[in-house]
Every structure is written in C-alpha cells, then in structure tokens.
Amino acid sequence: MPLHALRGPVYSTPSPVENIPQNNECKMVELRGAKVASFTVDGCELICLPQAFDLFLKHLVGGLHTVYTKLKRLEITPVVCNVEQVRILRGLGAIQPGVNRCKLISRKDFETLYNDCTNNLKDIFLLFFFNFVTVEKNIIIILKNLVWNRPRKA
C-alpha cells in the first residue's frame, strides 16, 4: 500500500483571489437594506462574508464558526480574499482592524445561507410556541378542574 494512502484525506485551503487591479475594486452595494462591501471577481459580485454576518446573521447563529459549518453542510465554498482586498476591507471598516483573513460569498449563496439560518430559527420558535400552547391548555384544564371540583358552600 502506498504511503499516501495511509495518511488519510488531504485538506487544503483554496487559493486567494488573484491580486490584480480589477479584482481589488471595491464597491458598496445594497444587501437587504444595508450597504456591504463587494468585489467583482471573474464577473461575479462577491460580498464580504464577515460584514454580512455582523449585519444579518450574528443574532441568528452562535458565531462565524457556525456560519462556516453551515456553509460546508450547504456545500457552499466561499472565496478567500487576497491581501489587498483584506487591506481595503479593513480600511472601510467592513472587518476588524486586526483581521488578516476574509472570505467573500455571492449574493445567491448568501441568500441560501440566510434562509437556512432563519428557517432553523423559525422551526425552533414554532416548536417552542406549540409546546407552550400545549402546556398552557393543560394548565387551564387543571385550573378548571380545581374550580369545578372544590367543595361548595351550602
């Protein structure tokens, strides 16, 4: 058996976007009513994932790590920013000053991610709500039984 077969799978990080001027032109675009930083790479508009997370997802999921886990499950591969794009995003305040890595995602993929986050939240809410209603009905039945079954004054 070859040695490489014993080591298991090889994981690799995708290469960053090519560092050429046309890939580094940043625009602020509207997404769900807010302005987010975007770059056009190979004709595809890509938005800053950490910024979109801060604006739309952080109150729905545990953290950015959870988002990356969801992306894997959804089979969405974000694009890795090049060094110049990261510098531009830091300068715009789209990412924190100390951040030296960033990923970009298409609008379509962001909508898929957003819908996944909100649908899971709706499911949890509905489960909680219907359990609450069931408990509330049981309490009402118990209270009615207590009222109707108590001894009455003659």
Foldseek 3Di string as FASTA:
>chain_A
DDPVVVVDDDDDDDDAADPDVQQQDWDFDDDPRDTFIWGQGPNAIWTWVQLCCVVQPVVQDPDVVVLVVVCVVVVHDWHKHDQSNQVVCCVVVSDPVVDRITTIHGSVSVVVSNCVSVVVVVVVVVVVVVVVVVVVVVVVVVVVCVVVVDDDDD
